[in-house]
Amino acid sequence: MGILGKIFTWWDGATIGTLLWSSRNGEHVGTDAQGNKYYRSKSDKITTTEGYERRWVIYAGNNDASNVPGEWHGWLHHSYDGVPESHLPPPRIWEVDYTPNATGTNGAYLPQGALDRGGKRARATGDYEAWSPDA
């Protein structure tokens, strides 16, 4: 994406205005495994309506909230004050790496009978009886 794309688009990373505002008014706090960068306001004057310091994320790639790991989500929403690295338990053996949300893409899950898979579904087995208002 060229310079014009960075000026006018918001769906594929931050615009130039957001990057400039973040570098001027924000303090870089950390970066997650996907490359998303997290900031908090440098000034006490920049707060939310509830009076908390403003915290935000600059996505690496598409602006998709499902790209934010749970520990950073908690930090963004003021569940705790310290950066997530100080609150993380050791990784469990059953934890898997992040996979992006595939809804609306060719990789999306399509169950049997979905119209995009041809709309064929298994025939009823006779264990279902339709409701009737007269019964």
C-alpha atoms as a PDB file:
ATOM      1  CA  MET A   1       0.000   0.000   0.000  1.00  0.00           C
ATOM      2  CA  GLY A   2       1.432   3.335  -0.998  1.00  0.00           C
ATOM      3  CA  ILE A   3       1.548   6.638   0.795  1.00  0.00           C
ATOM      4  CA  LEU A   4      -1.951   7.611  -0.414  1.00  0.00           C
ATOM      5  CA  GLY A   5      -3.320   4.379   1.018  1.00  0.00           C
ATOM      6  CA  LYS A   6      -1.756   5.157   4.375  1.00  0.00           C
ATOM      7  CA  ILE A   7      -3.249   8.646   4.344  1.00  0.00           C
ATOM      8  CA  PHE A   8      -6.814   7.648   3.487  1.00  0.00           C
ATOM      9  CA  THR A   9      -7.414   4.069   4.654  1.00  0.00           C
ATOM     10  CA  TRP A  10      -7.997   2.847   8.174  1.00  0.00           C
ATOM     11  CA  TRP A  11      -8.787  -0.860   7.624  1.00  0.00           C
ATOM     12  CA  ASP A  12      -5.226  -1.991   6.865  1.00  0.00           C
ATOM     13  CA  GLY A  13      -3.155  -0.641   9.744  1.00  0.00           C
ATOM     14  CA  ALA A  14      -3.087   2.883  11.071  1.00  0.00           C
ATOM     15  CA  THR A  15      -3.328   6.019   8.970  1.00  0.00           C
ATOM     16  CA  ILE A  16      -0.438   8.468   8.927  1.00  0.00           C
ATOM     17  CA  GLY A  17      -2.413  10.835  11.168  1.00  0.00           C
ATOM     18  CA  THR A  18      -2.890   8.110  13.776  1.00  0.00           C
ATOM     19  CA  LEU A  19       0.782   7.152  13.644  1.00  0.00           C
ATOM     20  CA  LEU A  20       1.862  10.768  14.069  1.00  0.00           C
ATOM     21  CA  TRP A  21      -0.599  11.367  16.917  1.00  0.00           C
ATOM     22  CA  SER A  22       0.540   8.156  18.633  1.00  0.00           C
ATOM     23  CA  SER A  23       4.215   9.041  18.388  1.00  0.00           C
ATOM     24  CA  ARG A  24       3.585  12.544  19.725  1.00  0.00           C
ATOM     25  CA  ASN A  25       0.998  11.905  22.444  1.00  0.00           C
ATOM     26  CA  GLY A  26       1.570   8.261  23.315  1.00  0.00           C
ATOM     27  CA  GLU A  27       4.136   6.209  25.169  1.00  0.00           C
ATOM     28  CA  HIS A  28       4.916   2.857  23.549  1.00  0.00           C
ATOM     29  CA  VAL A  29       4.284   0.196  26.191  1.00  0.00           C
ATOM     30  CA  GLY A  30       4.855  -3.060  24.348  1.00  0.00           C
ATOM     31  CA  THR A  31       4.418  -5.248  21.310  1.00  0.00           C
ATOM     32  CA  ASP A  32       2.669  -8.620  21.166  1.00  0.00           C
ATOM     33  CA  ALA A  33       3.592 -11.761  19.216  1.00  0.00           C
ATOM     34  CA  GLN A  34       1.544 -10.637  16.169  1.00  0.00           C
ATOM     35  CA  GLY A  35       3.409  -7.315  15.979  1.00  0.00           C
ATOM     36  CA  ASN A  36       0.591  -5.107  17.324  1.00  0.00           C
ATOM     37  CA  LYS A  37       1.939  -2.079  19.211  1.00  0.00           C
ATOM     38  CA  TYR A  38       0.324  -0.840  22.421  1.00  0.00           C
ATOM     39  CA  TYR A  39       0.369   2.745  23.679  1.00  0.00           C
ATOM     40  CA  ARG A  40      -0.812   4.785  26.627  1.00  0.00           C
ATOM     41  CA  SER A  41      -1.201   8.549  26.889  1.00  0.00           C
ATOM     42  CA  LYS A  42       1.859  10.515  28.015  1.00  0.00           C
ATOM     43  CA  SER A  43      -0.255  13.259  29.551  1.00  0.00           C
ATOM     44  CA  ASP A  44      -2.708  12.962  32.442  1.00  0.00           C
ATOM     45  CA  LYS A  45      -4.968  15.331  30.481  1.00  0.00           C
ATOM     46  CA  ILE A  46      -5.671  12.710  27.797  1.00  0.00           C
ATOM     47  CA  THR A  47      -8.155  10.404  29.530  1.00  0.00           C
ATOM     48  CA  THR A  48     -11.310   8.464  28.824  1.00  0.00           C
ATOM     49  CA  THR A  49     -14.714   9.705  29.930  1.00  0.00           C
ATOM     50  CA  GLU A  50     -14.354   7.507  33.044  1.00  0.00           C
ATOM     51  CA  GLY A  51     -11.096   9.240  33.988  1.00  0.00           C
ATOM     52  CA  TYR A  52      -8.722   6.408  33.068  1.00  0.00           C
ATOM     53  CA  GLU A  53      -5.573   6.996  31.066  1.00  0.00           C
ATOM     54  CA  ARG A  54      -6.166   6.446  27.361  1.00  0.00           C
ATOM     55  CA  ARG A  55      -4.771   3.160  26.014  1.00  0.00           C
ATOM     56  CA  TRP A  56      -4.821   2.015  22.389  1.00  0.00           C
ATOM     57  CA  VAL A  57      -3.403  -0.446  19.889  1.00  0.00           C
ATOM     58  CA  ILE A  58      -1.876   0.053  16.447  1.00  0.00           C
ATOM     59  CA  TYR A  59      -2.533  -3.155  14.533  1.00  0.00           C
ATOM     60  CA  ALA A  60       0.104  -4.857  12.428  1.00  0.00           C
ATOM     61  CA  GLY A  61      -1.959  -5.522   9.304  1.00  0.00           C
ATOM     62  CA  ASN A  62      -5.742  -5.575   9.175  1.00  0.00           C
ATOM     63  CA  ASN A  63      -7.643  -3.797  11.923  1.00  0.00           C
ATOM     64  CA  ASP A  64      -9.257  -6.826  13.506  1.00  0.00           C
ATOM     65  CA  ALA A  65     -10.000  -6.852  17.225  1.00  0.00           C
ATOM     66  CA  SER A  66      -9.590 -10.634  17.305  1.00  0.00           C
ATOM     67  CA  ASN A  67      -5.861  -9.991  16.703  1.00  0.00           C
ATOM     68  CA  VAL A  68      -5.510  -8.692  20.278  1.00  0.00           C
ATOM     69  CA  PRO A  69      -4.406 -11.461  22.677  1.00  0.00           C
ATOM     70  CA  GLY A  70      -6.361 -11.862  25.906  1.00  0.00           C
ATOM     71  CA  GLU A  71      -3.638 -10.484  28.151  1.00  0.00           C
ATOM     72  CA  TRP A  72      -3.368  -7.274  26.109  1.00  0.00           C
ATOM     73  CA  HIS A  73      -7.162  -7.028  25.939  1.00  0.00           C
ATOM     74  CA  GLY A  74      -7.188  -6.978  29.744  1.00  0.00           C
ATOM     75  CA  TRP A  75      -4.564  -4.226  29.796  1.00  0.00           C
ATOM     76  CA  LEU A  76      -6.451  -2.143  27.199  1.00  0.00           C
ATOM     77  CA  HIS A  77      -9.609  -2.338  29.321  1.00  0.00           C
ATOM     78  CA  HIS A  78      -7.852  -1.464  32.597  1.00  0.00           C
ATOM     79  CA  SER A  79      -8.224  -4.893  34.209  1.00  0.00           C
ATOM     80  CA  TYR A  80      -4.732  -4.323  35.585  1.00  0.00           C
ATOM     81  CA  ASP A  81      -2.200  -1.504  35.451  1.00  0.00           C
ATOM     82  CA  GLY A  82       1.052  -3.335  34.689  1.00  0.00           C
ATOM     83  CA  VAL A  83       1.980  -4.530  31.226  1.00  0.00           C
ATOM     84  CA  PRO A  84       0.832  -8.096  30.489  1.00  0.00           C
ATOM     85  CA  GLU A  85       4.285  -9.653  30.683  1.00  0.00           C
ATOM     86  CA  SER A  86       4.199  -9.089  34.450  1.00  0.00           C
ATOM     87  CA  HIS A  87       0.835 -10.903  34.759  1.00  0.00           C
ATOM     88  CA  LEU A  88       1.265 -13.880  32.435  1.00  0.00           C
ATOM     89  CA  PRO A  89       1.346 -17.418  33.785  1.00  0.00           C
ATOM     90  CA  PRO A  90       3.726 -19.826  32.057  1.00  0.00           C
ATOM     91  CA  PRO A  91       2.288 -21.190  28.799  1.00  0.00           C
ATOM     92  CA  ARG A  92       0.354 -24.457  29.070  1.00  0.00           C
ATOM     93  CA  ILE A  93       1.121 -27.432  26.834  1.00  0.00           C
ATOM     94  CA  TRP A  94      -2.443 -27.427  25.457  1.00  0.00           C
ATOM     95  CA  GLU A  95      -2.332 -23.772  24.306  1.00  0.00           C
ATOM     96  CA  VAL A  96      -2.187 -23.269  20.553  1.00  0.00           C
ATOM     97  CA  ASP A  97      -0.875 -20.340  18.532  1.00  0.00           C
ATOM     98  CA  TYR A  98      -3.230 -17.600  17.363  1.00  0.00           C
ATOM     99  CA  THR A  99      -5.162 -18.147  14.145  1.00  0.00           C
ATOM    100  CA  PRO A 100      -6.990 -15.214  12.535  1.00  0.00           C
ATOM    101  CA  ASN A 101     -10.775 -15.061  12.356  1.00  0.00           C
ATOM    102  CA  ALA A 102     -11.713 -16.753   9.050  1.00  0.00           C
ATOM    103  CA  THR A 103     -15.344 -15.587   8.891  1.00  0.00           C
ATOM    104  CA  GLY A 104     -16.191 -14.348   5.393  1.00  0.00           C
ATOM    105  CA  THR A 105     -13.114 -15.913   3.792  1.00  0.00           C
ATOM    106  CA  ASN A 106     -12.517 -19.125   1.855  1.00  0.00           C
ATOM    107  CA  GLY A 107     -11.138 -20.663   5.056  1.00  0.00           C
ATOM    108  CA  ALA A 108     -14.390 -20.166   6.994  1.00  0.00           C
ATOM    109  CA  TYR A 109     -16.113 -23.183   8.556  1.00  0.00           C
ATOM    110  CA  LEU A 110     -19.067 -24.390   6.503  1.00  0.00           C
ATOM    111  CA  PRO A 111     -21.220 -27.104   8.099  1.00  0.00           C
ATOM    112  CA  GLN A 112     -23.015 -29.814   6.133  1.00  0.00           C
ATOM    113  CA  GLY A 113     -26.044 -28.285   4.440  1.00  0.00           C
ATOM    114  CA  ALA A 114     -24.555 -24.799   4.099  1.00  0.00           C
ATOM    115  CA  LEU A 115     -25.609 -23.085   0.872  1.00  0.00           C
ATOM    116  CA  ASP A 116     -21.960 -22.408  -0.030  1.00  0.00           C
ATOM    117  CA  ARG A 117     -21.308 -26.175   0.096  1.00  0.00           C
ATOM    118  CA  GLY A 118     -24.167 -26.979  -2.265  1.00  0.00           C
ATOM    119  CA  GLY A 119     -27.038 -26.879   0.215  1.00  0.00           C
ATOM    120  CA  LYS A 120     -27.279 -30.680   0.618  1.00  0.00           C
ATOM    121  CA  ARG A 121     -28.118 -32.003   4.047  1.00  0.00           C
ATOM    122  CA  ALA A 122     -28.952 -35.365   5.483  1.00  0.00           C
ATOM    123  CA  ARG A 123     -32.572 -36.468   5.194  1.00  0.00           C
ATOM    124  CA  ALA A 124     -34.732 -36.465   8.303  1.00  0.00           C
ATOM    125  CA  THR A 125     -34.671 -39.811  10.095  1.00  0.00           C
ATOM    126  CA  GLY A 126     -38.275 -39.790  11.266  1.00  0.00           C
ATOM    127  CA  ASP A 127     -37.528 -38.838  14.858  1.00  0.00           C
ATOM    128  CA  TYR A 128     -38.943 -35.346  14.347  1.00  0.00           C
ATOM    129  CA  GLU A 129     -42.591 -34.473  14.423  1.00  0.00           C
ATOM    130  CA  ALA A 130     -43.646 -31.007  13.289  1.00  0.00           C
ATOM    131  CA  TRP A 131     -45.699 -28.908  15.674  1.00  0.00           C
ATOM    132  CA  SER A 132     -49.300 -28.406  14.782  1.00  0.00           C
ATOM    133  CA  PRO A 133     -51.588 -25.872  16.462  1.00  0.00           C
ATOM    134  CA  ASP A 134     -54.515 -28.319  16.254  1.00  0.00           C
ATOM    135  CA  ALA A 135     -52.780 -31.072  18.208  1.00  0.00           C
END
